[in-house]
C-alpha atoms as a PDB file:
ATOM      1  CA  UNK A   1     -20.488  24.764  20.104  1.00  0.00           C
ATOM      2  CA  UNK A   2     -17.607  22.962  18.310  1.00  0.00           C
ATOM      3  CA  UNK A   3     -18.356  19.862  16.326  1.00  0.00           C
ATOM      4  CA  UNK A   4     -17.198  16.535  17.679  1.00  0.00           C
ATOM      5  CA  UNK A   5     -14.400  15.016  15.652  1.00  0.00           C
ATOM      6  CA  UNK A   6     -15.215  11.695  14.071  1.00  0.00           C
ATOM      7  CA  UNK A   7     -13.065   8.842  15.327  1.00  0.00           C
ATOM      8  CA  UNK A   8     -11.290   6.948  12.544  1.00  0.00           C
ATOM      9  CA  UNK A   9     -11.476   3.208  13.035  1.00  0.00           C
ATOM     10  CA  UNK A  10      -8.316   1.084  12.801  1.00  0.00           C
ATOM     11  CA  UNK A  11      -9.748  -0.597   9.694  1.00  0.00           C
ATOM     12  CA  UNK A  12     -10.268   2.742   7.902  1.00  0.00           C
ATOM     13  CA  UNK A  13      -6.799   3.883   8.908  1.00  0.00           C
ATOM     14  CA  UNK A  14      -5.240   0.652   7.628  1.00  0.00           C
ATOM     15  CA  UNK A  15      -7.178   0.921   4.354  1.00  0.00           C
ATOM     16  CA  UNK A  16      -5.822   4.403   3.655  1.00  0.00           C
ATOM     17  CA  UNK A  17      -2.261   3.291   4.389  1.00  0.00           C
ATOM     18  CA  UNK A  18      -2.828   0.198   2.239  1.00  0.00           C
ATOM     19  CA  UNK A  19      -3.885   2.307  -0.755  1.00  0.00           C
ATOM     20  CA  UNK A  20      -0.879   4.589  -0.395  1.00  0.00           C
ATOM     21  CA  UNK A  21       1.401   1.562   0.013  1.00  0.00           C
ATOM     22  CA  UNK A  22      -0.067  -0.078  -3.091  1.00  0.00           C
ATOM     23  CA  UNK A  23       0.485   3.083  -5.122  1.00  0.00           C
ATOM     24  CA  UNK A  24       4.068   3.454  -3.892  1.00  0.00           C
ATOM     25  CA  UNK A  25       4.728  -0.257  -4.446  1.00  0.00           C
ATOM     26  CA  UNK A  26       3.409  -0.008  -8.004  1.00  0.00           C
ATOM     27  CA  UNK A  27       5.698   2.903  -8.838  1.00  0.00           C
ATOM     28  CA  UNK A  28       8.789   1.322  -7.286  1.00  0.00           C
ATOM     29  CA  UNK A  29       8.148  -2.078  -8.883  1.00  0.00           C
ATOM     30  CA  UNK A  30       7.361  -0.503 -12.271  1.00  0.00           C
ATOM     31  CA  UNK A  31      10.536   1.596 -12.287  1.00  0.00           C
ATOM     32  CA  UNK A  32      12.611  -1.377 -11.136  1.00  0.00           C
ATOM     33  CA  UNK A  33      11.150  -3.574 -13.866  1.00  0.00           C
ATOM     34  CA  UNK A  34      11.750  -0.852 -16.456  1.00  0.00           C
ATOM     35  CA  UNK A  35      15.394  -0.582 -15.417  1.00  0.00           C
ATOM     36  CA  UNK A  36      15.949  -4.348 -15.465  1.00  0.00           C
ATOM     37  CA  UNK A  37      13.987  -5.043 -18.641  1.00  0.00           C
ATOM     38  CA  UNK A  38      15.080  -1.962 -20.622  1.00  0.00           C
ATOM     39  CA  UNK A  39      17.215  -4.047 -22.964  1.00  0.00           C
ATOM     40  CA  UNK A  40      14.263  -5.859 -24.556  1.00  0.00           C
ATOM     41  CA  UNK A  41      10.930  -4.045 -24.238  1.00  0.00           C
ATOM     42  CA  UNK A  42       8.020  -6.321 -23.440  1.00  0.00           C
ATOM     43  CA  UNK A  43       4.893  -6.026 -21.274  1.00  0.00           C
ATOM     44  CA  UNK A  44       6.170  -8.121 -18.372  1.00  0.00           C
ATOM     45  CA  UNK A  45       7.039  -4.951 -16.462  1.00  0.00           C
ATOM     46  CA  UNK A  46       3.289  -4.336 -15.998  1.00  0.00           C
ATOM     47  CA  UNK A  47       2.891  -7.766 -14.406  1.00  0.00           C
ATOM     48  CA  UNK A  48       5.841  -7.104 -12.094  1.00  0.00           C
ATOM     49  CA  UNK A  49       4.465  -3.666 -11.188  1.00  0.00           C
ATOM     50  CA  UNK A  50       0.972  -4.968 -10.415  1.00  0.00           C
ATOM     51  CA  UNK A  51       2.396  -7.832  -8.353  1.00  0.00           C
ATOM     52  CA  UNK A  52       4.584  -5.399  -6.417  1.00  0.00           C
ATOM     53  CA  UNK A  53       1.624  -3.099  -5.809  1.00  0.00           C
ATOM     54  CA  UNK A  54      -0.527  -5.942  -4.510  1.00  0.00           C
ATOM     55  CA  UNK A  55       2.195  -7.262  -2.219  1.00  0.00           C
ATOM     56  CA  UNK A  56       3.185  -3.887  -0.769  1.00  0.00           C
ATOM     57  CA  UNK A  57      -0.432  -2.747  -0.407  1.00  0.00           C
ATOM     58  CA  UNK A  58      -1.515  -5.939   1.348  1.00  0.00           C
ATOM     59  CA  UNK A  59       1.529  -5.919   3.622  1.00  0.00           C
ATOM     60  CA  UNK A  60       1.004  -2.254   4.530  1.00  0.00           C
ATOM     61  CA  UNK A  61      -2.676  -2.859   5.250  1.00  0.00           C
ATOM     62  CA  UNK A  62      -1.906  -5.831   7.468  1.00  0.00           C
ATOM     63  CA  UNK A  63       0.880  -4.157   9.411  1.00  0.00           C
ATOM     64  CA  UNK A  64      -1.071  -0.945  10.052  1.00  0.00           C
ATOM     65  CA  UNK A  65      -4.204  -2.837  11.072  1.00  0.00           C
ATOM     66  CA  UNK A  66      -2.131  -5.008  13.416  1.00  0.00           C
ATOM     67  CA  UNK A  67      -0.460  -1.940  14.952  1.00  0.00           C
ATOM     68  CA  UNK A  68      -3.729  -0.050  15.410  1.00  0.00           C
ATOM     69  CA  UNK A  69      -5.521  -2.945  17.063  1.00  0.00           C
ATOM     70  CA  UNK A  70      -2.629  -3.489  19.484  1.00  0.00           C
ATOM     71  CA  UNK A  71      -2.541   0.181  20.557  1.00  0.00           C
ATOM     72  CA  UNK A  72      -6.281   0.479  21.121  1.00  0.00           C
ATOM     73  CA  UNK A  73      -7.091   1.520  24.693  1.00  0.00           C
ATOM     74  CA  UNK A  74      -8.833  -1.194  26.686  1.00  0.00           C
END
């Protein structure tokens, strides 16, 4: 008898996309800050990267959660 597949909730799905979005946002923001601030090295690129990661991760989480709750069968 095959096992029943576990249903992934919209919240869990949005969380996983949020983590991936935060990671991608961190890398993009960090590389952008490195390119812009390469003339004078200082630690502000870490602040920019963390801010970018938080913004992209939160936006991804919100959008995916919104999409999943709208498509849920009623």
